Amino acid sequence: MITLRDYQQNAVNEIRQAYRRGKRSPLLVLPTGGGKTTIFAYITTEAAKRGNSVFLLCHRAELVKQISLTLAAFGQEHQVIAPAAIVNQVRTAHFSAHGQPCLCCQRTDSHKQN
């Protein structure tokens, strides 16, 4: 389990306050290495605990692995829907980090490439 740093917890609190004030799309800006993935993984994990569905969309293949590993570190069940090469990269990363593949990387017929 990951523990948020003080500035990350402050960012989570500020995002929650923005939603309470009626904002629909608050923007979080942090420098590289500031923990943006950790913060949104924490927020999505908490939302899922309350029964909310969460959909994350990522435009960079290298970030898919980072996001999946961070969600797994929070104990959050998730699924990776991506081309086979990216799913294999994520599977390898999970195996390297934990000694076993993540269930998020199990492919079904609906994900197979033609």
N, C-alpha and C. Protein backbone atom coordinates (compact mmCIF):
# COMPACT_ATOMS: atom_id res chain seq x y z
N MET A 1 0.84 -1.18 0.00
CA MET A 1 0.00 0.00 0.00
C MET A 1 0.89 1.24 0.00
N ILE A 2 0.45 2.24 -0.68
CA ILE A 2 1.19 3.48 -0.80
C ILE A 2 0.63 4.51 0.18
N THR A 3 1.50 5.23 0.84
CA THR A 3 1.10 6.34 1.70
C THR A 3 1.41 7.63 0.96
N LEU A 4 0.44 8.51 0.85
CA LEU A 4 0.64 9.78 0.16
C LEU A 4 1.55 10.70 0.98
N ARG A 5 2.35 11.46 0.30
CA ARG A 5 3.15 12.50 0.95
C ARG A 5 2.20 13.65 1.32
N ASP A 6 2.63 14.51 2.20
CA ASP A 6 1.77 15.61 2.65
C ASP A 6 1.26 16.45 1.49
N TYR A 7 2.14 16.83 0.56
CA TYR A 7 1.71 17.68 -0.55
C TYR A 7 0.76 16.93 -1.49
N GLN A 8 0.90 15.60 -1.56
CA GLN A 8 -0.03 14.82 -2.38
C GLN A 8 -1.40 14.76 -1.72
N GLN A 9 -1.43 14.57 -0.40
CA GLN A 9 -2.70 14.56 0.31
C GLN A 9 -3.37 15.93 0.21
N ASN A 10 -2.58 17.00 0.29
CA ASN A 10 -3.13 18.35 0.11
C ASN A 10 -3.74 18.50 -1.28
N ALA A 11 -3.08 17.95 -2.29
CA ALA A 11 -3.62 18.02 -3.66
C ALA A 11 -4.94 17.26 -3.76
N VAL A 12 -5.02 16.10 -3.14
CA VAL A 12 -6.28 15.33 -3.13
C VAL A 12 -7.38 16.15 -2.47
N ASN A 13 -7.07 16.77 -1.34
CA ASN A 13 -8.06 17.58 -0.63
C ASN A 13 -8.53 18.76 -1.48
N GLU A 14 -7.59 19.39 -2.18
CA GLU A 14 -7.96 20.52 -3.04
C GLU A 14 -8.83 20.08 -4.21
N ILE A 15 -8.53 18.93 -4.78
CA ILE A 15 -9.35 18.40 -5.87
C ILE A 15 -10.76 18.11 -5.36
N ARG A 16 -10.86 17.48 -4.21
CA ARG A 16 -12.18 17.19 -3.62
C ARG A 16 -12.96 18.48 -3.36
N GLN A 17 -12.27 19.50 -2.84
CA GLN A 17 -12.93 20.79 -2.59
C GLN A 17 -13.42 21.41 -3.90
N ALA A 18 -12.64 21.29 -4.95
CA ALA A 18 -13.05 21.82 -6.25
C ALA A 18 -14.33 21.15 -6.73
N TYR A 19 -14.42 19.83 -6.58
CA TYR A 19 -15.64 19.12 -6.97
C TYR A 19 -16.82 19.57 -6.11
N ARG A 20 -16.58 19.74 -4.82
CA ARG A 20 -17.67 20.20 -3.93
C ARG A 20 -18.17 21.59 -4.30
N ARG A 21 -17.27 22.42 -4.86
CA ARG A 21 -17.66 23.76 -5.29
C ARG A 21 -18.33 23.75 -6.66
N GLY A 22 -18.52 22.56 -7.23
CA GLY A 22 -19.22 22.45 -8.50
C GLY A 22 -18.34 22.40 -9.73
N LYS A 23 -17.03 22.38 -9.54
CA LYS A 23 -16.14 22.28 -10.69
C LYS A 23 -16.26 20.87 -11.27
N ARG A 24 -16.25 20.78 -12.59
CA ARG A 24 -16.43 19.47 -13.23
C ARG A 24 -15.11 18.86 -13.71
N SER A 25 -14.11 19.66 -13.94
CA SER A 25 -12.85 19.16 -14.47
C SER A 25 -11.66 19.87 -13.84
N PRO A 26 -11.43 19.66 -12.54
CA PRO A 26 -10.27 20.32 -11.93
C PRO A 26 -8.97 19.80 -12.55
N LEU A 27 -8.00 20.65 -12.65
CA LEU A 27 -6.71 20.33 -13.24
C LEU A 27 -5.64 20.35 -12.16
N LEU A 28 -4.87 19.27 -12.09
CA LEU A 28 -3.76 19.18 -11.15
C LEU A 28 -2.46 19.32 -11.93
N VAL A 29 -1.62 20.24 -11.51
CA VAL A 29 -0.33 20.45 -12.16
C VAL A 29 0.77 20.22 -11.13
N LEU A 30 1.66 19.28 -11.45
CA LEU A 30 2.83 18.99 -10.63
C LEU A 30 4.00 18.75 -11.56
N PRO A 31 5.22 18.98 -11.08
CA PRO A 31 6.38 18.71 -11.92
C PRO A 31 6.58 17.20 -12.12
N THR A 32 7.44 16.86 -13.07
CA THR A 32 7.81 15.46 -13.29
C THR A 32 8.29 14.86 -11.97
N GLY A 33 7.77 13.70 -11.65
CA GLY A 33 8.16 13.03 -10.41
C GLY A 33 7.39 13.50 -9.19
N GLY A 34 6.41 14.37 -9.39
CA GLY A 34 5.63 14.90 -8.28
C GLY A 34 4.58 13.95 -7.74
N GLY A 35 4.28 12.91 -8.51
CA GLY A 35 3.33 11.91 -8.02
C GLY A 35 1.92 12.04 -8.58
N LYS A 36 1.80 12.56 -9.80
CA LYS A 36 0.46 12.70 -10.40
C LYS A 36 -0.23 11.34 -10.54
N THR A 37 0.53 10.33 -10.99
CA THR A 37 -0.05 8.99 -11.15
C THR A 37 -0.48 8.45 -9.80
N THR A 38 0.34 8.63 -8.79
CA THR A 38 -0.01 8.16 -7.44
C THR A 38 -1.27 8.85 -6.94
N ILE A 39 -1.37 10.15 -7.18
CA ILE A 39 -2.54 10.90 -6.71
C ILE A 39 -3.81 10.42 -7.41
N PHE A 40 -3.78 10.30 -8.73
CA PHE A 40 -5.02 9.89 -9.37
C PHE A 40 -5.32 8.42 -9.13
N ALA A 41 -4.29 7.58 -8.91
CA ALA A 41 -4.55 6.18 -8.54
C ALA A 41 -5.22 6.12 -7.18
N TYR A 42 -4.79 6.97 -6.27
CA TYR A 42 -5.42 7.05 -4.95
C TYR A 42 -6.88 7.49 -5.08
N ILE A 43 -7.12 8.53 -5.85
CA ILE A 43 -8.48 9.04 -6.02
C ILE A 43 -9.37 7.99 -6.67
N THR A 44 -8.89 7.32 -7.71
CA THR A 44 -9.72 6.33 -8.39
C THR A 44 -9.97 5.11 -7.49
N THR A 45 -8.97 4.73 -6.70
CA THR A 45 -9.16 3.61 -5.77
C THR A 45 -10.21 3.94 -4.73
N GLU A 46 -10.17 5.14 -4.19
CA GLU A 46 -11.18 5.56 -3.22
C GLU A 46 -12.57 5.62 -3.86
N ALA A 47 -12.66 6.09 -5.10
CA ALA A 47 -13.94 6.14 -5.80
C ALA A 47 -14.48 4.73 -6.02
N ALA A 48 -13.61 3.80 -6.40
CA ALA A 48 -14.03 2.42 -6.62
C ALA A 48 -14.50 1.76 -5.32
N LYS A 49 -13.87 2.11 -4.20
CA LYS A 49 -14.30 1.58 -2.91
C LYS A 49 -15.72 1.99 -2.58
N ARG A 50 -16.13 3.16 -3.10
CA ARG A 50 -17.49 3.65 -2.87
C ARG A 50 -18.47 3.13 -3.92
N GLY A 51 -18.00 2.22 -4.77
CA GLY A 51 -18.88 1.61 -5.77
C GLY A 51 -18.95 2.35 -7.08
N ASN A 52 -18.13 3.36 -7.26
CA ASN A 52 -18.13 4.11 -8.51
C ASN A 52 -17.27 3.40 -9.56
N SER A 53 -17.71 3.42 -10.80
CA SER A 53 -16.90 2.91 -11.90
C SER A 53 -15.94 4.01 -12.33
N VAL A 54 -14.75 3.60 -12.68
CA VAL A 54 -13.73 4.56 -13.09
C VAL A 54 -13.12 4.09 -14.40
N PHE A 55 -12.98 5.00 -15.35
CA PHE A 55 -12.37 4.70 -16.64
C PHE A 55 -11.18 5.63 -16.81
N LEU A 56 -10.01 5.04 -17.00
CA LEU A 56 -8.81 5.83 -17.22
C LEU A 56 -8.37 5.65 -18.66
N LEU A 57 -8.08 6.73 -19.30
CA LEU A 57 -7.62 6.70 -20.68
C LEU A 57 -6.22 7.27 -20.73
N CYS A 58 -5.31 6.56 -21.37
CA CYS A 58 -3.92 6.97 -21.42
C CYS A 58 -3.45 7.03 -22.86
N HIS A 59 -2.79 8.10 -23.23
CA HIS A 59 -2.36 8.29 -24.61
C HIS A 59 -0.91 7.88 -24.87
N ARG A 60 -0.21 7.38 -23.89
CA ARG A 60 1.18 6.97 -24.06
C ARG A 60 1.37 5.54 -23.55
N ALA A 61 1.88 4.69 -24.40
CA ALA A 61 2.06 3.29 -24.04
C ALA A 61 2.92 3.13 -22.78
N GLU A 62 3.97 3.95 -22.65
CA GLU A 62 4.86 3.80 -21.50
C GLU A 62 4.16 4.15 -20.18
N LEU A 63 3.13 4.97 -20.24
CA LEU A 63 2.40 5.33 -19.02
C LEU A 63 1.40 4.26 -18.61
N VAL A 64 0.96 3.43 -19.55
CA VAL A 64 0.00 2.36 -19.22
C VAL A 64 0.61 1.45 -18.15
N LYS A 65 1.85 1.08 -18.33
CA LYS A 65 2.55 0.22 -17.37
C LYS A 65 2.65 0.92 -16.02
N GLN A 66 3.03 2.17 -16.02
CA GLN A 66 3.17 2.93 -14.77
C GLN A 66 1.84 3.00 -14.03
N ILE A 67 0.78 3.29 -14.76
CA ILE A 67 -0.54 3.39 -14.15
C ILE A 67 -0.97 2.05 -13.57
N SER A 68 -0.80 0.98 -14.34
CA SER A 68 -1.20 -0.35 -13.88
C SER A 68 -0.45 -0.77 -12.63
N LEU A 69 0.86 -0.54 -12.62
CA LEU A 69 1.66 -0.89 -11.43
C LEU A 69 1.24 -0.07 -10.21
N THR A 70 0.91 1.19 -10.42
CA THR A 70 0.50 2.05 -9.30
C THR A 70 -0.86 1.62 -8.77
N LEU A 71 -1.80 1.32 -9.66
CA LEU A 71 -3.10 0.82 -9.21
C LEU A 71 -2.93 -0.49 -8.43
N ALA A 72 -2.06 -1.37 -8.92
CA ALA A 72 -1.81 -2.63 -8.21
C ALA A 72 -1.21 -2.38 -6.84
N ALA A 73 -0.34 -1.38 -6.73
CA ALA A 73 0.27 -1.05 -5.44
C ALA A 73 -0.78 -0.60 -4.43
N PHE A 74 -1.87 0.00 -4.93
CA PHE A 74 -2.98 0.39 -4.06
C PHE A 74 -3.95 -0.78 -3.83
N GLY A 75 -3.67 -1.92 -4.45
CA GLY A 75 -4.55 -3.08 -4.30
C GLY A 75 -5.81 -2.96 -5.12
N GLN A 76 -5.80 -2.09 -6.11
CA GLN A 76 -6.99 -1.84 -6.92
C GLN A 76 -7.04 -2.81 -8.09
N GLU A 77 -8.11 -3.60 -8.15
CA GLU A 77 -8.34 -4.45 -9.30
C GLU A 77 -8.63 -3.57 -10.50
N HIS A 78 -8.07 -3.93 -11.64
CA HIS A 78 -8.27 -3.14 -12.84
C HIS A 78 -8.00 -4.01 -14.05
N GLN A 79 -8.34 -3.50 -15.19
CA GLN A 79 -8.13 -4.21 -16.44
C GLN A 79 -7.41 -3.30 -17.42
N VAL A 80 -6.47 -3.86 -18.15
CA VAL A 80 -5.77 -3.13 -19.19
C VAL A 80 -6.32 -3.58 -20.53
N ILE A 81 -6.86 -2.65 -21.27
CA ILE A 81 -7.36 -2.93 -22.61
C ILE A 81 -6.44 -2.18 -23.56
N ALA A 82 -5.63 -2.93 -24.28
CA ALA A 82 -4.60 -2.33 -25.13
C ALA A 82 -4.15 -3.36 -26.16
N PRO A 83 -3.40 -2.92 -27.15
CA PRO A 83 -2.83 -3.88 -28.10
C PRO A 83 -1.96 -4.91 -27.36
N ALA A 84 -1.81 -6.07 -27.96
CA ALA A 84 -1.09 -7.19 -27.33
C ALA A 84 0.31 -6.80 -26.87
N ALA A 85 1.03 -6.02 -27.66
CA ALA A 85 2.40 -5.65 -27.29
C ALA A 85 2.43 -4.86 -25.99
N ILE A 86 1.48 -3.97 -25.81
CA ILE A 86 1.42 -3.16 -24.58
C ILE A 86 1.01 -4.03 -23.40
N VAL A 87 0.02 -4.89 -23.60
CA VAL A 87 -0.41 -5.79 -22.53
C VAL A 87 0.76 -6.68 -22.11
N ASN A 88 1.54 -7.15 -23.06
CA ASN A 88 2.71 -7.98 -22.72
C ASN A 88 3.74 -7.19 -21.92
N GLN A 89 3.94 -5.91 -22.24
CA GLN A 89 4.85 -5.07 -21.47
C GLN A 89 4.36 -4.93 -20.02
N VAL A 90 3.07 -4.72 -19.87
CA VAL A 90 2.49 -4.58 -18.53
C VAL A 90 2.62 -5.89 -17.77
N ARG A 91 2.32 -7.00 -18.43
CA ARG A 91 2.43 -8.32 -17.80
C ARG A 91 3.88 -8.55 -17.32
N THR A 92 4.85 -8.25 -18.16
CA THR A 92 6.26 -8.42 -17.80
C THR A 92 6.63 -7.53 -16.61
N ALA A 93 6.16 -6.30 -16.60
CA ALA A 93 6.45 -5.38 -15.50
C ALA A 93 5.87 -5.89 -14.19
N HIS A 94 4.64 -6.41 -14.23
CA HIS A 94 4.03 -6.95 -13.01
C HIS A 94 4.81 -8.16 -12.52
N PHE A 95 5.22 -9.02 -13.46
CA PHE A 95 5.99 -10.21 -13.07
C PHE A 95 7.32 -9.81 -12.46
N SER A 96 7.99 -8.82 -13.05
CA SER A 96 9.28 -8.36 -12.51
C SER A 96 9.12 -7.75 -11.13
N ALA A 97 8.03 -7.01 -10.92
CA ALA A 97 7.81 -6.33 -9.64
C ALA A 97 7.30 -7.25 -8.55
N HIS A 98 6.49 -8.26 -8.93
CA HIS A 98 5.78 -9.05 -7.92
C HIS A 98 5.99 -10.56 -8.04
N GLY A 99 6.71 -11.00 -9.07
CA GLY A 99 6.96 -12.43 -9.24
C GLY A 99 5.79 -13.21 -9.80
N GLN A 100 4.76 -12.50 -10.18
CA GLN A 100 3.59 -13.14 -10.79
C GLN A 100 2.87 -12.13 -11.67
N PRO A 101 2.18 -12.62 -12.69
CA PRO A 101 1.46 -11.67 -13.55
C PRO A 101 0.23 -11.13 -12.83
N CYS A 102 -0.18 -9.97 -13.25
CA CYS A 102 -1.38 -9.34 -12.70
C CYS A 102 -2.60 -9.84 -13.46
N LEU A 103 -3.68 -10.06 -12.76
CA LEU A 103 -4.91 -10.49 -13.43
C LEU A 103 -5.42 -9.44 -14.41
N CYS A 104 -4.96 -8.21 -14.26
CA CYS A 104 -5.40 -7.15 -15.15
C CYS A 104 -4.96 -7.41 -16.58
N CYS A 105 -4.00 -8.28 -16.77
CA CYS A 105 -3.42 -8.50 -18.09
C CYS A 105 -3.93 -9.77 -18.76
N GLN A 106 -4.92 -10.39 -18.21
CA GLN A 106 -5.46 -11.57 -18.85
C GLN A 106 -6.28 -11.16 -20.06
N ARG A 107 -5.94 -11.71 -21.21
CA ARG A 107 -6.61 -11.33 -22.45
C ARG A 107 -7.84 -12.20 -22.65
N THR A 108 -8.86 -11.62 -23.25
CA THR A 108 -10.06 -12.35 -23.63
C THR A 108 -10.19 -12.27 -25.14
N ASP A 109 -11.10 -13.05 -25.70
CA ASP A 109 -11.30 -13.05 -27.15
C ASP A 109 -11.66 -11.68 -27.68
N SER A 110 -12.33 -10.86 -26.89
CA SER A 110 -12.73 -9.53 -27.36
C SER A 110 -11.55 -8.61 -27.55
N HIS A 111 -10.38 -8.97 -26.99
CA HIS A 111 -9.19 -8.12 -27.10
C HIS A 111 -8.22 -8.58 -28.17
N LYS A 112 -8.45 -9.74 -28.76
CA LYS A 112 -7.51 -10.28 -29.74
C LYS A 112 -7.50 -9.46 -31.01
N GLN A 113 -6.30 -9.30 -31.55
CA GLN A 113 -6.17 -8.58 -32.80
C GLN A 113 -6.52 -9.51 -33.95
N ASN A 114 -7.08 -8.95 -35.01
CA ASN A 114 -7.41 -9.76 -36.18
C ASN A 114 -6.25 -9.84 -37.12
